[in-house]
Amino acid sequence: MHIAQKFGVLKDYFAGRALTDADLGRYNVTRRDEDRHVFKVPSLRNVALTAPYFHDASAATLEQAVKVMGRYQLGRELPPQDVEFVVAFLKTLTGEMPASAHP
């Protein structure tokens, strides 16, 4: 099962920037307006090993990704200690990469 979510639930992530086709998300497949800026939500398993983050690789670090998600998905600026706690939690989800993930 694939879960998809709008990127920019409480604040428009795409406002004030030149859009690319990739920024349109699922809209590129369905051509439905409600699918603009909707993206597959990946598993958090091994998230600390999968930088860069987001469809446009705009977050180079997990810390940056957590800050962006706080701002655009929750509508708030997360305090540095909260970012640190969330990143620490996400790092606990790291395990061995499946054999198919190795080159």
C-alpha atoms as a PDB file:
ATOM      1  CA  MET A   1       0.000   0.000   0.000  1.00  0.00           C
ATOM      2  CA  HIS A   2       1.316   3.425  -0.921  1.00  0.00           C
ATOM      3  CA  ILE A   3       0.412   6.483   1.082  1.00  0.00           C
ATOM      4  CA  ALA A   4       0.453   9.904  -0.553  1.00  0.00           C
ATOM      5  CA  GLN A   5       0.292  13.305   1.119  1.00  0.00           C
ATOM      6  CA  LYS A   6       0.122  16.907  -0.014  1.00  0.00           C
ATOM      7  CA  PHE A   7       3.461  18.662   0.532  1.00  0.00           C
ATOM      8  CA  GLY A   8       2.630  21.931   2.173  1.00  0.00           C
ATOM      9  CA  VAL A   9      -0.445  21.130   4.245  1.00  0.00           C
ATOM     10  CA  LEU A  10      -0.368  24.274   6.429  1.00  0.00           C
ATOM     11  CA  LYS A  11       1.995  26.485   4.443  1.00  0.00           C
ATOM     12  CA  ASP A  12       2.581  26.544   0.684  1.00  0.00           C
ATOM     13  CA  TYR A  13       5.990  24.958   0.032  1.00  0.00           C
ATOM     14  CA  PHE A  14       5.801  25.950  -3.638  1.00  0.00           C
ATOM     15  CA  ALA A  15       4.824  29.629  -3.268  1.00  0.00           C
ATOM     16  CA  GLY A  16       7.268  32.120  -4.727  1.00  0.00           C
ATOM     17  CA  ARG A  17       9.384  29.641  -6.649  1.00  0.00           C
ATOM     18  CA  ALA A  18       9.591  28.519 -10.229  1.00  0.00           C
ATOM     19  CA  LEU A  19       7.793  25.188 -10.503  1.00  0.00           C
ATOM     20  CA  THR A  20       9.186  22.168 -12.281  1.00  0.00           C
ATOM     21  CA  ASP A  21       7.166  19.234 -13.599  1.00  0.00           C
ATOM     22  CA  ALA A  22       8.421  17.207 -10.623  1.00  0.00           C
ATOM     23  CA  ASP A  23       6.827  19.733  -8.254  1.00  0.00           C
ATOM     24  CA  LEU A  24       3.395  18.759  -9.552  1.00  0.00           C
ATOM     25  CA  GLY A  25       3.663  15.313  -7.951  1.00  0.00           C
ATOM     26  CA  ARG A  26       0.809  12.854  -8.595  1.00  0.00           C
ATOM     27  CA  TYR A  27      -0.846  15.402 -10.855  1.00  0.00           C
ATOM     28  CA  ASN A  28       1.634  14.313 -13.529  1.00  0.00           C
ATOM     29  CA  VAL A  29      -0.018  10.886 -13.494  1.00  0.00           C
ATOM     30  CA  THR A  30      -3.683  11.618 -12.758  1.00  0.00           C
ATOM     31  CA  ARG A  31      -4.152  15.162 -14.167  1.00  0.00           C
ATOM     32  CA  ARG A  32      -6.542  15.784 -11.246  1.00  0.00           C
ATOM     33  CA  ASP A  33      -6.188  19.209  -9.605  1.00  0.00           C
ATOM     34  CA  GLU A  34      -6.461  17.701  -6.121  1.00  0.00           C
ATOM     35  CA  ASP A  35      -3.277  15.709  -6.837  1.00  0.00           C
ATOM     36  CA  ARG A  36      -1.084  18.800  -7.361  1.00  0.00           C
ATOM     37  CA  HIS A  37       1.857  18.686  -4.928  1.00  0.00           C
ATOM     38  CA  VAL A  38       0.823  15.243  -3.635  1.00  0.00           C
ATOM     39  CA  PHE A  39       3.715  12.817  -3.213  1.00  0.00           C
ATOM     40  CA  LYS A  40       4.269   9.237  -2.101  1.00  0.00           C
ATOM     41  CA  VAL A  41       5.233   9.104   1.572  1.00  0.00           C
ATOM     42  CA  PRO A  42       8.241   6.805   1.913  1.00  0.00           C
ATOM     43  CA  SER A  43       8.851   4.510   4.852  1.00  0.00           C
ATOM     44  CA  LEU A  44      10.850   5.971   7.730  1.00  0.00           C
ATOM     45  CA  ARG A  45      12.913   2.776   7.936  1.00  0.00           C
ATOM     46  CA  ASN A  46      16.570   3.731   7.313  1.00  0.00           C
ATOM     47  CA  VAL A  47      15.580   7.359   6.688  1.00  0.00           C
ATOM     48  CA  ALA A  48      18.894   8.518   8.191  1.00  0.00           C
ATOM     49  CA  LEU A  49      20.683   6.719   5.339  1.00  0.00           C
ATOM     50  CA  THR A  50      18.699   8.105   2.426  1.00  0.00           C
ATOM     51  CA  ALA A  51      19.727  11.765   2.053  1.00  0.00           C
ATOM     52  CA  PRO A  52      19.026  13.993   0.232  1.00  0.00           C
ATOM     53  CA  TYR A  53      15.355  14.370   1.075  1.00  0.00           C
ATOM     54  CA  PHE A  54      12.149  15.380  -0.735  1.00  0.00           C
ATOM     55  CA  HIS A  55      11.183  15.046  -4.369  1.00  0.00           C
ATOM     56  CA  ASP A  56      13.594  17.834  -5.292  1.00  0.00           C
ATOM     57  CA  ALA A  57      16.502  16.766  -3.037  1.00  0.00           C
ATOM     58  CA  SER A  58      16.333  20.210  -1.429  1.00  0.00           C
ATOM     59  CA  ALA A  59      17.124  19.019   2.101  1.00  0.00           C
ATOM     60  CA  ALA A  60      20.679  17.731   2.305  1.00  0.00           C
ATOM     61  CA  THR A  61      20.405  16.589   5.924  1.00  0.00           C
ATOM     62  CA  LEU A  62      17.823  14.962   8.131  1.00  0.00           C
ATOM     63  CA  GLU A  63      17.889  18.045  10.356  1.00  0.00           C
ATOM     64  CA  GLN A  64      16.958  20.263   7.404  1.00  0.00           C
ATOM     65  CA  ALA A  65      14.173  17.870   6.401  1.00  0.00           C
ATOM     66  CA  VAL A  66      12.678  17.873   9.907  1.00  0.00           C
ATOM     67  CA  LYS A  67      12.715  21.685  10.000  1.00  0.00           C
ATOM     68  CA  VAL A  68      11.006  21.898   6.600  1.00  0.00           C
ATOM     69  CA  MET A  69       8.370  19.347   7.596  1.00  0.00           C
ATOM     70  CA  GLY A  70       7.662  21.288  10.791  1.00  0.00           C
ATOM     71  CA  ARG A  71       7.254  24.526   8.845  1.00  0.00           C
ATOM     72  CA  TYR A  72       5.148  23.273   5.939  1.00  0.00           C
ATOM     73  CA  GLN A  73       3.310  20.254   7.310  1.00  0.00           C
ATOM     74  CA  LEU A  74       2.715  21.468  10.888  1.00  0.00           C
ATOM     75  CA  GLY A  75       2.739  25.222  10.341  1.00  0.00           C
ATOM     76  CA  ARG A  76       5.349  25.921  13.009  1.00  0.00           C
ATOM     77  CA  GLU A  77       9.034  26.548  13.479  1.00  0.00           C
ATOM     78  CA  LEU A  78      10.369  23.714  15.605  1.00  0.00           C
ATOM     79  CA  PRO A  79      12.715  24.651  18.450  1.00  0.00           C
ATOM     80  CA  PRO A  80      16.272  23.326  17.931  1.00  0.00           C
ATOM     81  CA  GLN A  81      15.916  20.827  20.783  1.00  0.00           C
ATOM     82  CA  ASP A  82      12.727  19.395  19.244  1.00  0.00           C
ATOM     83  CA  VAL A  83      14.522  18.986  15.906  1.00  0.00           C
ATOM     84  CA  GLU A  84      17.334  17.217  17.740  1.00  0.00           C
ATOM     85  CA  PHE A  85      14.859  14.877  19.488  1.00  0.00           C
ATOM     86  CA  VAL A  86      13.005  14.031  16.263  1.00  0.00           C
ATOM     87  CA  VAL A  87      16.279  13.351  14.417  1.00  0.00           C
ATOM     88  CA  ALA A  88      17.488  11.157  17.296  1.00  0.00           C
ATOM     89  CA  PHE A  89      14.248   9.167  17.090  1.00  0.00           C
ATOM     90  CA  LEU A  90      14.483   8.816  13.312  1.00  0.00           C
ATOM     91  CA  LYS A  91      18.032   7.496  13.656  1.00  0.00           C
ATOM     92  CA  THR A  92      16.713   4.676  15.876  1.00  0.00           C
ATOM     93  CA  LEU A  93      14.824   3.406  12.823  1.00  0.00           C
ATOM     94  CA  THR A  94      18.097   2.514  11.118  1.00  0.00           C
ATOM     95  CA  GLY A  95      18.764  -1.153  10.477  1.00  0.00           C
ATOM     96  CA  GLU A  96      20.564  -3.257   7.940  1.00  0.00           C
ATOM     97  CA  MET A  97      19.829  -2.272   4.371  1.00  0.00           C
ATOM     98  CA  PRO A  98      18.199  -5.072   2.391  1.00  0.00           C
ATOM     99  CA  ALA A  99      20.519  -6.881  -0.007  1.00  0.00           C
ATOM    100  CA  SER A 100      18.552  -5.490  -2.958  1.00  0.00           C
ATOM    101  CA  ALA A 101      19.491  -1.936  -1.893  1.00  0.00           C
ATOM    102  CA  HIS A 102      23.223  -2.573  -2.288  1.00  0.00           C
ATOM    103  CA  PRO A 103      24.807  -1.888  -5.679  1.00  0.00           C
END
